[in-house]
C-alpha atoms as a PDB file:
ATOM      1  CA  MET A   1    -100.043  75.210  80.045  1.00  0.00           C
ATOM      2  CA  GLY A   2    -101.659  73.523  77.062  1.00  0.00           C
ATOM      3  CA  ALA A   3    -105.132  72.319  76.299  1.00  0.00           C
ATOM      4  CA  LYS A   4    -108.023  72.157  78.710  1.00  0.00           C
ATOM      5  CA  LYS A   5    -110.162  69.069  79.230  1.00  0.00           C
ATOM      6  CA  GLU A   6    -113.016  70.503  77.152  1.00  0.00           C
ATOM      7  CA  GLN A   7    -110.697  71.242  74.221  1.00  0.00           C
ATOM      8  CA  LEU A   8    -109.321  67.716  74.235  1.00  0.00           C
ATOM      9  CA  GLY A   9    -112.830  66.258  74.459  1.00  0.00           C
ATOM     10  CA  SER A  10    -113.942  68.281  71.458  1.00  0.00           C
ATOM     11  CA  ILE A  11    -110.938  67.181  69.406  1.00  0.00           C
ATOM     12  CA  ILE A  12    -111.360  63.529  70.337  1.00  0.00           C
ATOM     13  CA  GLY A  13    -115.074  63.716  69.490  1.00  0.00           C
ATOM     14  CA  SER A  14    -114.307  65.233  66.096  1.00  0.00           C
ATOM     15  CA  SER A  15    -111.719  62.586  65.314  1.00  0.00           C
ATOM     16  CA  MET A  16    -114.088  59.785  66.320  1.00  0.00           C
ATOM     17  CA  SER A  17    -116.731  61.065  63.896  1.00  0.00           C
ATOM     18  CA  GLY A  18    -114.186  61.104  61.061  1.00  0.00           C
ATOM     19  CA  THR A  19    -114.790  58.305  58.601  1.00  0.00           C
ATOM     20  CA  SER A  20    -111.481  57.894  56.833  1.00  0.00           C
ATOM     21  CA  ALA A  21    -107.890  57.660  57.935  1.00  0.00           C
ATOM     22  CA  ASN A  22    -107.213  60.849  55.996  1.00  0.00           C
ATOM     23  CA  ASP A  23    -109.848  62.752  58.046  1.00  0.00           C
ATOM     24  CA  ILE A  24    -108.408  61.483  61.313  1.00  0.00           C
ATOM     25  CA  LEU A  25    -104.835  62.345  60.283  1.00  0.00           C
ATOM     26  CA  THR A  26    -105.883  65.844  59.203  1.00  0.00           C
ATOM     27  CA  LEU A  27    -107.807  66.455  62.438  1.00  0.00           C
ATOM     28  CA  THR A  28    -104.910  65.183  64.543  1.00  0.00           C
ATOM     29  CA  ALA A  29    -102.390  67.423  62.764  1.00  0.00           C
ATOM     30  CA  SER A  30    -104.613  70.500  63.003  1.00  0.00           C
ATOM     31  CA  ALA A  31    -105.380  69.786  66.664  1.00  0.00           C
ATOM     32  CA  ASN A  32    -101.673  69.509  67.448  1.00  0.00           C
ATOM     33  CA  THR A  33    -100.960  72.786  65.655  1.00  0.00           C
ATOM     34  CA  SER A  34    -103.865  74.557  67.363  1.00  0.00           C
ATOM     35  CA  LEU A  35    -102.966  73.353  70.837  1.00  0.00           C
ATOM     36  CA  SER A  36     -99.296  74.275  70.373  1.00  0.00           C
ATOM     37  CA  GLY A  37    -100.322  77.725  69.154  1.00  0.00           C
ATOM     38  CA  ALA A  38    -102.689  78.196  72.092  1.00  0.00           C
ATOM     39  CA  ALA A  39     -99.968  77.228  74.563  1.00  0.00           C
ATOM     40  CA  THR A  40     -97.486  79.625  72.932  1.00  0.00           C
ATOM     41  CA  LEU A  41     -99.943  82.530  72.970  1.00  0.00           C
ATOM     42  CA  LYS A  42    -100.841  81.823  76.589  1.00  0.00           C
ATOM     43  CA  ALA A  43     -97.158  81.855  77.530  1.00  0.00           C
ATOM     44  CA  ARG A  44     -96.522  85.110  75.670  1.00  0.00           C
ATOM     45  CA  THR A  45     -99.432  86.981  77.221  1.00  0.00           C
ATOM     46  CA  GLY A  46     -98.538  85.718  80.672  1.00  0.00           C
ATOM     47  CA  CYS A  47     -95.056  87.142  80.494  1.00  0.00           C
ATOM     48  CA  LYS A  48     -95.583  90.491  78.785  1.00  0.00           C
ATOM     49  CA  ASN A  49     -94.475  92.497  81.818  1.00  0.00           C
ATOM     50  CA  ARG A  50     -92.198  90.035  83.573  1.00  0.00           C
ATOM     51  CA  PHE A  51     -88.844  90.766  82.049  1.00  0.00           C
ATOM     52  CA  ASN A  52     -89.204  94.521  81.559  1.00  0.00           C
ATOM     53  CA  GLY A  53     -87.949  96.838  84.234  1.00  0.00           C
ATOM     54  CA  SER A  54     -85.937  96.001  87.298  1.00  0.00           C
ATOM     55  CA  ALA A  55     -86.805  93.193  89.630  1.00  0.00           C
ATOM     56  CA  PRO A  56     -85.516  92.740  93.149  1.00  0.00           C
ATOM     57  CA  ILE A  57     -82.808  90.115  93.430  1.00  0.00           C
ATOM     58  CA  LEU A  58     -83.392  87.346  95.946  1.00  0.00           C
ATOM     59  CA  PRO A  59     -80.586  85.524  97.713  1.00  0.00           C
ATOM     60  CA  ILE A  60     -80.574  81.751  97.314  1.00  0.00           C
ATOM     61  CA  GLU A  61     -80.738  80.643 100.909  1.00  0.00           C
ATOM     62  CA  ASP A  62     -80.609  77.238 102.513  1.00  0.00           C
ATOM     63  CA  THR A  63     -83.634  77.535 104.740  1.00  0.00           C
ATOM     64  CA  ASN A  64     -85.696  74.810 106.305  1.00  0.00           C
ATOM     65  CA  ASP A  65     -89.041  75.984 104.923  1.00  0.00           C
ATOM     66  CA  PHE A  66     -89.319  72.772 102.896  1.00  0.00           C
ATOM     67  CA  PRO A  67     -87.642  69.377 103.265  1.00  0.00           C
ATOM     68  CA  PHE A  68     -84.707  69.244 100.841  1.00  0.00           C
ATOM     69  CA  GLU A  69     -83.676  65.831  99.558  1.00  0.00           C
ATOM     70  CA  PHE A  70     -80.835  66.451  97.106  1.00  0.00           C
ATOM     71  CA  GLU A  71     -81.012  63.106  95.280  1.00  0.00           C
ATOM     72  CA  LYS A  72     -84.772  63.325  94.770  1.00  0.00           C
ATOM     73  CA  CYS A  73     -84.589  66.950  93.607  1.00  0.00           C
ATOM     74  CA  ARG A  74     -81.609  66.243  91.329  1.00  0.00           C
ATOM     75  CA  SER A  75     -83.537  63.388  89.730  1.00  0.00           C
ATOM     76  CA  MET A  76     -86.542  65.676  89.233  1.00  0.00           C
ATOM     77  CA  LEU A  77     -84.399  68.348  87.520  1.00  0.00           C
ATOM     78  CA  ALA A  78     -82.778  65.694  85.305  1.00  0.00           C
ATOM     79  CA  LYS A  79     -86.247  64.626  84.094  1.00  0.00           C
ATOM     80  CA  GLY A  80     -87.077  68.252  83.420  1.00  0.00           C
ATOM     81  CA  ALA A  81     -90.185  70.400  83.251  1.00  0.00           C
ATOM     82  CA  GLU A  82     -91.932  72.709  80.802  1.00  0.00           C
ATOM     83  CA  LEU A  83     -90.948  76.248  81.755  1.00  0.00           C
ATOM     84  CA  GLY A  84     -91.018  79.690  80.240  1.00  0.00           C
ATOM     85  CA  VAL A  85     -87.479  80.586  79.178  1.00  0.00           C
ATOM     86  CA  GLU A  86     -85.935  83.890  78.146  1.00  0.00           C
ATOM     87  CA  THR A  87     -82.879  83.280  75.984  1.00  0.00           C
ATOM     88  CA  PRO A  88     -79.788  85.532  75.789  1.00  0.00           C
ATOM     89  CA  ASP A  89     -81.181  87.164  72.627  1.00  0.00           C
ATOM     90  CA  GLY A  90     -84.313  88.260  74.531  1.00  0.00           C
ATOM     91  CA  LYS A  91     -86.813  85.778  73.082  1.00  0.00           C
ATOM     92  CA  TYR A  92     -89.374  84.233  75.434  1.00  0.00           C
ATOM     93  CA  MET A  93     -90.594  80.721  74.710  1.00  0.00           C
ATOM     94  CA  VAL A  94     -91.805  77.607  76.477  1.00  0.00           C
ATOM     95  CA  ARG A  95     -89.221  74.829  76.509  1.00  0.00           C
ATOM     96  CA  SER A  96     -88.599  71.504  78.175  1.00  0.00           C
ATOM     97  CA  VAL A  97     -85.838  72.373  80.645  1.00  0.00           C
ATOM     98  CA  SER A  98     -83.596  69.925  82.480  1.00  0.00           C
ATOM     99  CA  ILE A  99     -80.401  70.335  84.478  1.00  0.00           C
ATOM    100  CA  VAL A 100     -77.821  67.649  85.235  1.00  0.00           C
ATOM    101  CA  LEU A 101     -74.451  67.376  86.944  1.00  0.00           C
ATOM    102  CA  ASP A 102     -72.231  65.566  84.446  1.00  0.00           C
ATOM    103  CA  GLY A 103     -69.184  63.349  85.001  1.00  0.00           C
ATOM    104  CA  GLU A 104     -66.783  66.266  84.553  1.00  0.00           C
ATOM    105  CA  SER A 105     -68.440  68.108  87.455  1.00  0.00           C
ATOM    106  CA  LYS A 106     -70.164  70.629  85.177  1.00  0.00           C
ATOM    107  CA  VAL A 107     -73.754  71.718  85.675  1.00  0.00           C
ATOM    108  CA  ILE A 108     -75.414  71.324  82.264  1.00  0.00           C
ATOM    109  CA  LEU A 109     -78.635  73.117  81.276  1.00  0.00           C
ATOM    110  CA  LYS A 110     -80.585  71.363  78.503  1.00  0.00           C
ATOM    111  CA  LEU A 111     -83.304  73.208  76.584  1.00  0.00           C
ATOM    112  CA  ARG A 112     -85.554  71.224  74.242  1.00  0.00           C
ATOM    113  CA  LYS A 113     -88.295  72.380  71.900  1.00  0.00           C
ATOM    114  CA  LEU A 114     -91.765  71.003  72.572  1.00  0.00           C
ATOM    115  CA  SER A 115     -92.479  70.242  68.924  1.00  0.00           C
ATOM    116  CA  LEU A 116     -92.543  66.870  67.235  1.00  0.00           C
ATOM    117  CA  LEU A 117     -89.036  67.360  65.851  1.00  0.00           C
ATOM    118  CA  LYS A 118     -87.224  68.064  69.078  1.00  0.00           C
ATOM    119  CA  SER A 119     -83.923  69.874  68.966  1.00  0.00           C
ATOM    120  CA  LYS A 120     -81.742  70.328  72.001  1.00  0.00           C
ATOM    121  CA  LYS A 121     -79.459  73.129  73.138  1.00  0.00           C
ATOM    122  CA  GLU A 122     -76.981  72.573  75.967  1.00  0.00           C
ATOM    123  CA  CYS A 123     -74.934  75.047  77.938  1.00  0.00           C
ATOM    124  CA  ILE A 124     -72.819  75.066  81.088  1.00  0.00           C
ATOM    125  CA  VAL A 125     -74.284  76.854  84.117  1.00  0.00           C
ATOM    126  CA  LEU A 126     -71.717  79.092  85.804  1.00  0.00           C
ATOM    127  CA  ASP A 127     -73.803  80.983  88.370  1.00  0.00           C
ATOM    128  CA  LEU A 128     -77.369  81.718  89.395  1.00  0.00           C
ATOM    129  CA  HIS A 129     -79.499  84.208  91.248  1.00  0.00           C
ATOM    130  CA  ALA A 130     -83.225  84.698  91.570  1.00  0.00           C
ATOM    131  CA  GLU A 131     -85.442  87.656  90.802  1.00  0.00           C
ATOM    132  CA  LEU A 132     -88.897  88.531  91.991  1.00  0.00           C
ATOM    133  CA  TYR A 133     -91.500  90.203  89.861  1.00  0.00           C
ATOM    134  CA  ARG A 134     -95.097  91.190  90.208  1.00  0.00           C
ATOM    135  CA  ASP A 135     -97.586  91.739  87.421  1.00  0.00           C
ATOM    136  CA  PRO A 136     -98.551  95.438  87.585  1.00  0.00           C
ATOM    137  CA  GLU A 137    -102.080  94.529  86.455  1.00  0.00           C
ATOM    138  CA  ALA A 138    -102.575  92.113  89.364  1.00  0.00           C
ATOM    139  CA  ASP A 139    -104.769  93.256  92.228  1.00  0.00           C
ATOM    140  CA  GLU A 140    -103.173  91.518  95.167  1.00  0.00           C
ATOM    141  CA  ILE A 141     -99.682  91.720  96.596  1.00  0.00           C
ATOM    142  CA  THR A 142     -99.663  87.932  96.893  1.00  0.00           C
ATOM    143  CA  ASP A 143     -99.252  87.569  93.113  1.00  0.00           C
ATOM    144  CA  THR A 144     -95.481  87.430  93.424  1.00  0.00           C
ATOM    145  CA  CYS A 145     -93.631  85.442  90.788  1.00  0.00           C
ATOM    146  CA  TYR A 146     -90.099  84.060  90.619  1.00  0.00           C
ATOM    147  CA  ILE A 147     -87.423  83.965  87.941  1.00  0.00           C
ATOM    148  CA  ILE A 148     -84.220  81.938  88.217  1.00  0.00           C
ATOM    149  CA  VAL A 149     -81.463  83.744  86.328  1.00  0.00           C
ATOM    150  CA  LEU A 150     -78.669  81.456  85.134  1.00  0.00           C
ATOM    151  CA  THR A 151     -75.335  82.764  83.918  1.00  0.00           C
ATOM    152  CA  THR A 152     -74.125  80.274  81.303  1.00  0.00           C
ATOM    153  CA  ASN A 153     -71.342  79.980  78.760  1.00  0.00           C
ATOM    154  CA  LEU A 154     -73.898  81.100  76.112  1.00  0.00           C
ATOM    155  CA  GLY A 155     -75.161  84.122  78.063  1.00  0.00           C
ATOM    156  CA  THR A 156     -77.877  84.829  80.608  1.00  0.00           C
ATOM    157  CA  ILE A 157     -80.893  82.506  80.547  1.00  0.00           C
ATOM    158  CA  LYS A 158     -83.975  83.160  82.686  1.00  0.00           C
ATOM    159  CA  LEU A 159     -86.298  80.384  83.871  1.00  0.00           C
ATOM    160  CA  ASP A 160     -89.789  81.573  84.774  1.00  0.00           C
ATOM    161  CA  MET A 161     -91.247  79.738  87.768  1.00  0.00           C
ATOM    162  CA  VAL A 162     -94.404  81.905  87.627  1.00  0.00           C
ATOM    163  CA  ASP A 163     -95.974  82.022  91.122  1.00  0.00           C
ATOM    164  CA  ASP A 164     -95.007  78.491  92.213  1.00  0.00           C
ATOM    165  CA  TYR A 165     -92.821  79.059  95.272  1.00  0.00           C
ATOM    166  CA  GLN A 166     -92.282  75.321  95.842  1.00  0.00           C
ATOM    167  CA  CYS A 167     -91.059  74.815  92.259  1.00  0.00           C
ATOM    168  CA  TYR A 168     -88.841  77.908  92.483  1.00  0.00           C
ATOM    169  CA  LYS A 169     -87.344  76.795  95.801  1.00  0.00           C
ATOM    170  CA  THR A 170     -86.715  73.238  94.579  1.00  0.00           C
ATOM    171  CA  TRP A 171     -85.019  74.345  91.355  1.00  0.00           C
ATOM    172  CA  ALA A 172     -83.001  77.184  92.896  1.00  0.00           C
ATOM    173  CA  THR A 173     -81.767  75.160  95.882  1.00  0.00           C
ATOM    174  CA  THR A 174     -80.888  72.108  93.784  1.00  0.00           C
ATOM    175  CA  ILE A 175     -79.027  74.116  91.123  1.00  0.00           C
ATOM    176  CA  ASN A 176     -77.173  76.010  93.841  1.00  0.00           C
ATOM    177  CA  HIS A 177     -76.236  72.712  95.506  1.00  0.00           C
ATOM    178  CA  MET A 178     -75.033  71.315  92.144  1.00  0.00           C
ATOM    179  CA  LEU A 179     -72.886  74.403  91.575  1.00  0.00           C
ATOM    180  CA  LEU A 180     -71.354  74.014  95.036  1.00  0.00           C
ATOM    181  CA  LEU A 181     -70.589  70.351  94.311  1.00  0.00           C
ATOM    182  CA  SER A 182     -69.119  71.157  90.906  1.00  0.00           C
ATOM    183  CA  THR A 183     -66.678  73.683  92.344  1.00  0.00           C
ATOM    184  CA  SER A 184     -65.672  71.777  95.462  1.00  0.00           C
ATOM    185  CA  PHE A 185     -65.269  68.169  94.310  1.00  0.00           C
ATOM    186  CA  THR A 186     -62.841  66.450  92.012  1.00  0.00           C
ATOM    187  CA  LYS A 187     -64.033  63.937  89.415  1.00  0.00           C
ATOM    188  CA  TYR A 188     -63.110  61.076  91.747  1.00  0.00           C
ATOM    189  CA  GLN A 189     -65.129  62.456  94.641  1.00  0.00           C
ATOM    190  CA  LEU A 190     -68.047  63.427  92.402  1.00  0.00           C
ATOM    191  CA  GLN A 191     -68.633  59.863  91.194  1.00  0.00           C
ATOM    192  CA  PHE A 192     -69.846  58.935  94.681  1.00  0.00           C
ATOM    193  CA  HIS A 193     -72.422  61.763  94.634  1.00  0.00           C
ATOM    194  CA  LYS A 194     -73.668  60.876  91.146  1.00  0.00           C
ATOM    195  CA  ASN A 195     -74.826  57.353  91.924  1.00  0.00           C
END
């Protein structure tokens, strides 16, 4: 998501031809606004049919179709990724999403805005399942996409993994593993899994 190489080149070229600091500041601000708007529109059009209707529910299975290294995957989820998110009130937006296992053995979902003034929303993950969807306008059956549905203390939040099976599998398996750890370990035992 975001700007393409040509768009960035055009913006950089325009800013280099600017003569004053005021021109450069104006171009930078308008470029940031334009690129953010383009990314938002791209996300909205990509998801117009994803959350409507019923989608088959997938079980979260521990299969050996990819090598699972819990510590590496947990670290990756803690750093986060930009994902499409449907909030409990039905709004779809792109957010920086990260998930951590805190010291009280709670799985915490953190949603951050992508804007300059970042605000953060946190909630406790209670359960998860996955859903499959397919764009009705797509030609091939292989255009299957994945949604991770998280039940949280603030309501149901859906994370759109689009058609990236590897990303879906990594996030779903790691979150599931974190939930298992959070329910089966005490604080004392959990400290050895955290570090």
